[in-house]
PDB file of all heavy atoms in Angstrom:
ATOM      1  N   MET A   1       0.263   8.307 -49.484  1.00  0.00           N
ATOM      2  CA  MET A   1       0.488   9.268 -48.401  1.00  0.00           C
ATOM      3  C   MET A   1       1.969   9.300 -48.036  1.00  0.00           C
ATOM      4  O   MET A   1       2.502   8.330 -47.514  1.00  0.00           O
ATOM      5  CB  MET A   1      -0.339   8.877 -47.172  1.00  0.00           C
ATOM      6  CG  MET A   1      -1.851   8.976 -47.361  1.00  0.00           C
ATOM      7  SD  MET A   1      -2.755   8.434 -45.882  1.00  0.00           S
ATOM      8  CE  MET A   1      -2.144   9.603 -44.702  1.00  0.00           C
ATOM      9  N   PRO A   2       2.683  10.363 -48.310  1.00  0.00           N
ATOM     10  CA  PRO A   2       4.118  10.395 -48.076  1.00  0.00           C
ATOM     11  C   PRO A   2       4.484  10.299 -46.603  1.00  0.00           C
ATOM     12  O   PRO A   2       5.562   9.849 -46.273  1.00  0.00           O
ATOM     13  CB  PRO A   2       4.537  11.740 -48.674  1.00  0.00           C
ATOM     14  CG  PRO A   2       3.285  12.559 -48.720  1.00  0.00           C
ATOM     15  CD  PRO A   2       2.184  11.596 -48.942  1.00  0.00           C
ATOM     16  N   ASP A   3       3.570  10.753 -45.710  1.00  0.00           N
ATOM     17  CA  ASP A   3       3.882  10.738 -44.286  1.00  0.00           C
ATOM     18  C   ASP A   3       3.398   9.469 -43.590  1.00  0.00           C
ATOM     19  O   ASP A   3       3.549   9.331 -42.383  1.00  0.00           O
ATOM     20  CB  ASP A   3       3.260  11.963 -43.603  1.00  0.00           C
ATOM     21  CG  ASP A   3       3.877  13.262 -44.111  1.00  0.00           C
ATOM     22  OD1 ASP A   3       5.076  13.248 -44.451  1.00  0.00           O
ATOM     23  OD2 ASP A   3       3.155  14.258 -44.156  1.00  0.00           O
ATOM     24  N   ALA A   4       2.750   8.572 -44.319  1.00  0.00           N
ATOM     25  CA  ALA A   4       2.240   7.348 -43.700  1.00  0.00           C
ATOM     26  C   ALA A   4       3.400   6.458 -43.280  1.00  0.00           C
ATOM     27  O   ALA A   4       4.406   6.352 -43.983  1.00  0.00           O
ATOM     28  CB  ALA A   4       1.340   6.608 -44.684  1.00  0.00           C
ATOM     29  N   PRO A   5       3.306   5.796 -42.115  1.00  0.00           N
ATOM     30  CA  PRO A   5       4.385   4.910 -41.691  1.00  0.00           C
ATOM     31  C   PRO A   5       4.518   3.714 -42.616  1.00  0.00           C
ATOM     32  O   PRO A   5       3.521   3.256 -43.198  1.00  0.00           O
ATOM     33  CB  PRO A   5       3.950   4.489 -40.280  1.00  0.00           C
ATOM     34  CG  PRO A   5       2.477   4.675 -40.253  1.00  0.00           C
ATOM     35  CD  PRO A   5       2.193   5.848 -41.153  1.00  0.00           C
ATOM     36  N   LEU A   6       5.739   3.229 -42.746  1.00  0.00           N
ATOM     37  CA  LEU A   6       5.951   2.020 -43.544  1.00  0.00           C
ATOM     38  C   LEU A   6       5.319   0.812 -42.852  1.00  0.00           C
ATOM     39  O   LEU A   6       4.703  -0.036 -43.493  1.00  0.00           O
ATOM     40  CB  LEU A   6       7.454   1.785 -43.734  1.00  0.00           C
ATOM     41  CG  LEU A   6       7.837   0.514 -44.484  1.00  0.00           C
ATOM     42  CD1 LEU A   6       7.381   0.588 -45.934  1.00  0.00           C
ATOM     43  CD2 LEU A   6       9.342   0.286 -44.407  1.00  0.00           C
ATOM     44  N   LEU A   7       5.479   0.747 -41.524  1.00  0.00           N
ATOM     45  CA  LEU A   7       4.944  -0.360 -40.735  1.00  0.00           C
ATOM     46  C   LEU A   7       4.057   0.196 -39.639  1.00  0.00           C
ATOM     47  O   LEU A   7       4.447   1.121 -38.918  1.00  0.00           O
ATOM     48  CB  LEU A   7       6.080  -1.178 -40.110  1.00  0.00           C
ATOM     49  CG  LEU A   7       5.665  -2.306 -39.167  1.00  0.00           C
ATOM     50  CD1 LEU A   7       5.039  -3.458 -39.962  1.00  0.00           C
ATOM     51  CD2 LEU A   7       6.858  -2.814 -38.360  1.00  0.00           C
ATOM     52  N   SER A   8       2.864  -0.356 -39.514  1.00  0.00           N
ATOM     53  CA  SER A   8       1.947   0.052 -38.451  1.00  0.00           C
ATOM     54  C   SER A   8       1.291  -1.190 -37.862  1.00  0.00           C
ATOM     55  O   SER A   8       0.583  -1.914 -38.567  1.00  0.00           O
ATOM     56  CB  SER A   8       0.895   1.008 -39.002  1.00  0.00           C
ATOM     57  OG  SER A   8       0.025   1.448 -37.982  1.00  0.00           O
ATOM     58  N   VAL A   9       1.548  -1.441 -36.594  1.00  0.00           N
ATOM     59  CA  VAL A   9       0.939  -2.567 -35.882  1.00  0.00           C
ATOM     60  C   VAL A   9      -0.182  -2.008 -35.016  1.00  0.00           C
ATOM     61  O   VAL A   9       0.037  -1.114 -34.211  1.00  0.00           O
ATOM     62  CB  VAL A   9       1.975  -3.298 -35.017  1.00  0.00           C
ATOM     63  CG1 VAL A   9       1.334  -4.463 -34.276  1.00  0.00           C
ATOM     64  CG2 VAL A   9       3.132  -3.791 -35.879  1.00  0.00           C
ATOM     65  N   GLU A  10      -1.383  -2.549 -35.192  1.00  0.00           N
ATOM     66  CA  GLU A  10      -2.549  -2.016 -34.502  1.00  0.00           C
ATOM     67  C   GLU A  10      -3.233  -3.107 -33.688  1.00  0.00           C
ATOM     68  O   GLU A  10      -3.752  -4.074 -34.246  1.00  0.00           O
ATOM     69  CB  GLU A  10      -3.536  -1.417 -35.518  1.00  0.00           C
ATOM     70  CG  GLU A  10      -2.943  -0.307 -36.378  1.00  0.00           C
ATOM     71  CD  GLU A  10      -3.896   0.153 -37.466  1.00  0.00           C
ATOM     72  OE1 GLU A  10      -4.984  -0.459 -37.609  1.00  0.00           O
ATOM     73  OE2 GLU A  10      -3.553   1.108 -38.185  1.00  0.00           O
ATOM     74  N   ASP A  11      -3.218  -2.955 -32.362  1.00  0.00           N
ATOM     75  CA  ASP A  11      -3.957  -3.825 -31.444  1.00  0.00           C
ATOM     76  C   ASP A  11      -3.666  -5.311 -31.696  1.00  0.00           C
ATOM     77  O   ASP A  11      -4.572  -6.145 -31.661  1.00  0.00           O
ATOM     78  CB  ASP A  11      -5.458  -3.552 -31.556  1.00  0.00           C
ATOM     79  CG  ASP A  11      -6.245  -4.093 -30.361  1.00  0.00           C
ATOM     80  OD1 ASP A  11      -5.662  -4.206 -29.266  1.00  0.00           O
ATOM     81  OD2 ASP A  11      -7.438  -4.420 -30.527  1.00  0.00           O
ATOM     82  N   LEU A  12      -2.411  -5.649 -31.930  1.00  0.00           N
ATOM     83  CA  LEU A  12      -2.036  -7.040 -32.218  1.00  0.00           C
ATOM     84  C   LEU A  12      -2.148  -7.897 -30.963  1.00  0.00           C
ATOM     85  O   LEU A  12      -1.570  -7.575 -29.923  1.00  0.00           O
ATOM     86  CB  LEU A  12      -0.604  -7.098 -32.748  1.00  0.00           C
ATOM     87  CG  LEU A  12      -0.069  -8.490 -33.094  1.00  0.00           C
ATOM     88  CD1 LEU A  12      -0.848  -9.093 -34.248  1.00  0.00           C
ATOM     89  CD2 LEU A  12       1.419  -8.425 -33.425  1.00  0.00           C
ATOM     90  N   THR A  13      -2.907  -8.977 -31.074  1.00  0.00           N
ATOM     91  CA  THR A  13      -3.111  -9.891 -29.947  1.00  0.00           C
ATOM     92  C   THR A  13      -2.875 -11.322 -30.420  1.00  0.00           C
ATOM     93  O   THR A  13      -3.489 -11.773 -31.395  1.00  0.00           O
ATOM     94  CB  THR A  13      -4.528  -9.761 -29.372  1.00  0.00           C
ATOM     95  OG1 THR A  13      -4.761  -8.395 -28.995  1.00  0.00           O
ATOM     96  CG2 THR A  13      -4.705 -10.642 -28.134  1.00  0.00           C
ATOM     97  N   ILE A  14      -1.973 -12.023 -29.726  1.00  0.00           N
ATOM     98  CA  ILE A  14      -1.610 -13.391 -30.103  1.00  0.00           C
ATOM     99  C   ILE A  14      -1.668 -14.275 -28.869  1.00  0.00           C
ATOM    100  O   ILE A  14      -1.151 -13.919 -27.800  1.00  0.00           O
ATOM    101  CB  ILE A  14      -0.200 -13.447 -30.719  1.00  0.00           C
ATOM    102  CG1 ILE A  14      -0.117 -12.548 -31.962  1.00  0.00           C
ATOM    103  CG2 ILE A  14       0.183 -14.876 -31.075  1.00  0.00           C
ATOM    104  CD1 ILE A  14       1.285 -12.398 -32.507  1.00  0.00           C
ATOM    105  N   ALA A  15      -2.285 -15.438 -29.005  1.00  0.00           N
ATOM    106  CA  ALA A  15      -2.378 -16.399 -27.904  1.00  0.00           C
ATOM    107  C   ALA A  15      -1.752 -17.719 -28.331  1.00  0.00           C
ATOM    108  O   ALA A  15      -1.583 -17.998 -29.523  1.00  0.00           O
ATOM    109  CB  ALA A  15      -3.832 -16.603 -27.493  1.00  0.00           C
ATOM    110  N   PHE A  16      -1.422 -18.538 -27.332  1.00  0.00           N
ATOM    111  CA  PHE A  16      -0.904 -19.884 -27.573  1.00  0.00           C
ATOM    112  C   PHE A  16      -1.721 -20.881 -26.765  1.00  0.00           C
ATOM    113  O   PHE A  16      -2.225 -20.565 -25.679  1.00  0.00           O
ATOM    114  CB  PHE A  16       0.567 -19.982 -27.174  1.00  0.00           C
ATOM    115  CG  PHE A  16       1.498 -19.272 -28.114  1.00  0.00           C
ATOM    116  CD1 PHE A  16       1.819 -17.935 -27.922  1.00  0.00           C
ATOM    117  CD2 PHE A  16       2.032 -19.926 -29.211  1.00  0.00           C
ATOM    118  CE1 PHE A  16       2.666 -17.271 -28.783  1.00  0.00           C
ATOM    119  CE2 PHE A  16       2.880 -19.273 -30.089  1.00  0.00           C
ATOM    120  CZ  PHE A  16       3.195 -17.943 -29.876  1.00  0.00           C
ATOM    121  N   GLY A  17      -1.822 -22.101 -27.287  1.00  0.00           N
ATOM    122  CA  GLY A  17      -2.560 -23.140 -26.583  1.00  0.00           C
ATOM    123  C   GLY A  17      -4.024 -23.141 -26.955  1.00  0.00           C
ATOM    124  O   GLY A  17      -4.483 -22.389 -27.814  1.00  0.00           O
ATOM    125  N   ALA A  18      -4.770 -24.004 -26.279  1.00  0.00           N
ATOM    126  CA  ALA A  18      -6.197 -24.138 -26.554  1.00  0.00           C
ATOM    127  C   ALA A  18      -6.937 -24.442 -25.260  1.00  0.00           C
ATOM    128  O   ALA A  18      -6.358 -24.955 -24.292  1.00  0.00           O
ATOM    129  CB  ALA A  18      -6.441 -25.252 -27.574  1.00  0.00           C
ATOM    130  N   GLY A  19      -8.211 -24.112 -25.259  1.00  0.00           N
ATOM    131  CA  GLY A  19      -9.045 -24.408 -24.102  1.00  0.00           C
ATOM    132  C   GLY A  19      -8.583 -23.685 -22.853  1.00  0.00           C
ATOM    133  O   GLY A  19      -8.089 -22.549 -22.910  1.00  0.00           O
ATOM    134  N   PRO A  20      -8.685 -24.349 -21.700  1.00  0.00           N
ATOM    135  CA  PRO A  20      -8.312 -23.712 -20.427  1.00  0.00           C
ATOM    136  C   PRO A  20      -6.829 -23.348 -20.341  1.00  0.00           C
ATOM    137  O   PRO A  20      -6.444 -22.478 -19.556  1.00  0.00           O
ATOM    138  CB  PRO A  20      -8.675 -24.770 -19.369  1.00  0.00           C
ATOM    139  CG  PRO A  20      -9.642 -25.685 -20.049  1.00  0.00           C
ATOM    140  CD  PRO A  20      -9.261 -25.686 -21.485  1.00  0.00           C
ATOM    141  N   SER A  21      -5.992 -24.006 -21.148  1.00  0.00           N
ATOM    142  CA  SER A  21      -4.547 -23.743 -21.090  1.00  0.00           C
ATOM    143  C   SER A  21      -4.115 -22.610 -22.011  1.00  0.00           C
ATOM    144  O   SER A  21      -2.939 -22.273 -22.065  1.00  0.00           O
ATOM    145  CB  SER A  21      -3.766 -25.009 -21.445  1.00  0.00           C
ATOM    146  OG  SER A  21      -4.054 -25.416 -22.773  1.00  0.00           O
ATOM    147  N   ARG A  22      -5.054 -22.001 -22.750  1.00  0.00           N
ATOM    148  CA  ARG A  22      -4.697 -20.909 -23.656  1.00  0.00           C
ATOM    149  C   ARG A  22      -4.237 -19.697 -22.848  1.00  0.00           C
ATOM    150  O   ARG A  22      -4.813 -19.361 -21.824  1.00  0.00           O
ATOM    151  CB  ARG A  22      -5.873 -20.522 -24.535  1.00  0.00           C
ATOM    152  CG  ARG A  22      -5.607 -19.283 -25.384  1.00  0.00           C
ATOM    153  CD  ARG A  22      -6.748 -18.942 -26.312  1.00  0.00           C
ATOM    154  NE  ARG A  22      -6.824 -19.881 -27.437  1.00  0.00           N
ATOM    155  CZ  ARG A  22      -7.580 -19.683 -28.515  1.00  0.00           C
ATOM    156  NH1 ARG A  22      -8.328 -18.595 -28.614  1.00  0.00           N
ATOM    157  NH2 ARG A  22      -7.589 -20.568 -29.479  1.00  0.00           N
ATOM    158  N   PHE A  23      -3.172 -19.031 -23.322  1.00  0.00           N
ATOM    159  CA  PHE A  23      -2.706 -17.800 -22.695  1.00  0.00           C
ATOM    160  C   PHE A  23      -2.330 -16.794 -23.767  1.00  0.00           C
ATOM    161  O   PHE A  23      -1.951 -17.150 -24.881  1.00  0.00           O
ATOM    162  CB  PHE A  23      -1.517 -18.055 -21.760  1.00  0.00           C
ATOM    163  CG  PHE A  23      -0.292 -18.585 -22.452  1.00  0.00           C
ATOM    164  CD1 PHE A  23       0.663 -17.725 -22.970  1.00  0.00           C
ATOM    165  CD2 PHE A  23      -0.095 -19.951 -22.584  1.00  0.00           C
ATOM    166  CE1 PHE A  23       1.801 -18.200 -23.607  1.00  0.00           C
ATOM    167  CE2 PHE A  23       1.047 -20.445 -23.220  1.00  0.00           C
ATOM    168  CZ  PHE A  23       1.991 -19.559 -23.725  1.00  0.00           C
ATOM    169  N   VAL A  24      -2.438 -15.518 -23.420  1.00  0.00           N
ATOM    170  CA  VAL A  24      -2.143 -14.429 -24.342  1.00  0.00           C
ATOM    171  C   VAL A  24      -0.688 -14.023 -24.168  1.00  0.00           C
ATOM    172  O   VAL A  24      -0.261 -13.644 -23.070  1.00  0.00           O
ATOM    173  CB  VAL A  24      -3.069 -13.226 -24.095  1.00  0.00           C
ATOM    174  CG1 VAL A  24      -2.671 -12.049 -24.985  1.00  0.00           C
ATOM    175  CG2 VAL A  24      -4.514 -13.606 -24.360  1.00  0.00           C
ATOM    176  N   ALA A  25       0.098 -14.110 -25.238  1.00  0.00           N
ATOM    177  CA  ALA A  25       1.516 -13.759 -25.190  1.00  0.00           C
ATOM    178  C   ALA A  25       1.778 -12.342 -25.663  1.00  0.00           C
ATOM    179  O   ALA A  25       2.733 -11.693 -25.214  1.00  0.00           O
ATOM    180  CB  ALA A  25       2.329 -14.743 -26.041  1.00  0.00           C
ATOM    181  N   VAL A  26       0.971 -11.848 -26.586  1.00  0.00           N
ATOM    182  CA  VAL A  26       1.060 -10.468 -27.086  1.00  0.00           C
ATOM    183  C   VAL A  26      -0.332  -9.867 -26.945  1.00  0.00           C
ATOM    184  O   VAL A  26      -1.294 -10.401 -27.501  1.00  0.00           O
ATOM    185  CB  VAL A  26       1.532 -10.435 -28.550  1.00  0.00           C
ATOM    186  CG1 VAL A  26       1.491  -9.021 -29.094  1.00  0.00           C
ATOM    187  CG2 VAL A  26       2.939 -11.006 -28.673  1.00  0.00           C
ATOM    188  N   ASP A  27      -0.436  -8.776 -26.202  1.00  0.00           N
ATOM    189  CA  ASP A  27      -1.740  -8.290 -25.763  1.00  0.00           C
ATOM    190  C   ASP A  27      -1.980  -6.841 -26.205  1.00  0.00           C
ATOM    191  O   ASP A  27      -1.589  -5.891 -25.527  1.00  0.00           O
ATOM    192  CB  ASP A  27      -1.824  -8.389 -24.229  1.00  0.00           C
ATOM    193  CG  ASP A  27      -3.230  -8.156 -23.703  1.00  0.00           C
ATOM    194  OD1 ASP A  27      -4.145  -7.967 -24.518  1.00  0.00           O
ATOM    195  OD2 ASP A  27      -3.407  -8.172 -22.468  1.00  0.00           O
ATOM    196  N   GLY A  28      -2.583  -6.667 -27.383  1.00  0.00           N
ATOM    197  CA  GLY A  28      -2.967  -5.345 -27.853  1.00  0.00           C
ATOM    198  C   GLY A  28      -1.813  -4.422 -28.176  1.00  0.00           C
ATOM    199  O   GLY A  28      -1.853  -3.234 -27.846  1.00  0.00           O
TER     200      GLY A  28
END
């Protein structure tokens, strides 16, 4: 597809830690 983006980030979610101390640093 010539018009398709080279890079596409979709709903990226990243957390750090574990258990009760886990927090989301990148949210969708």
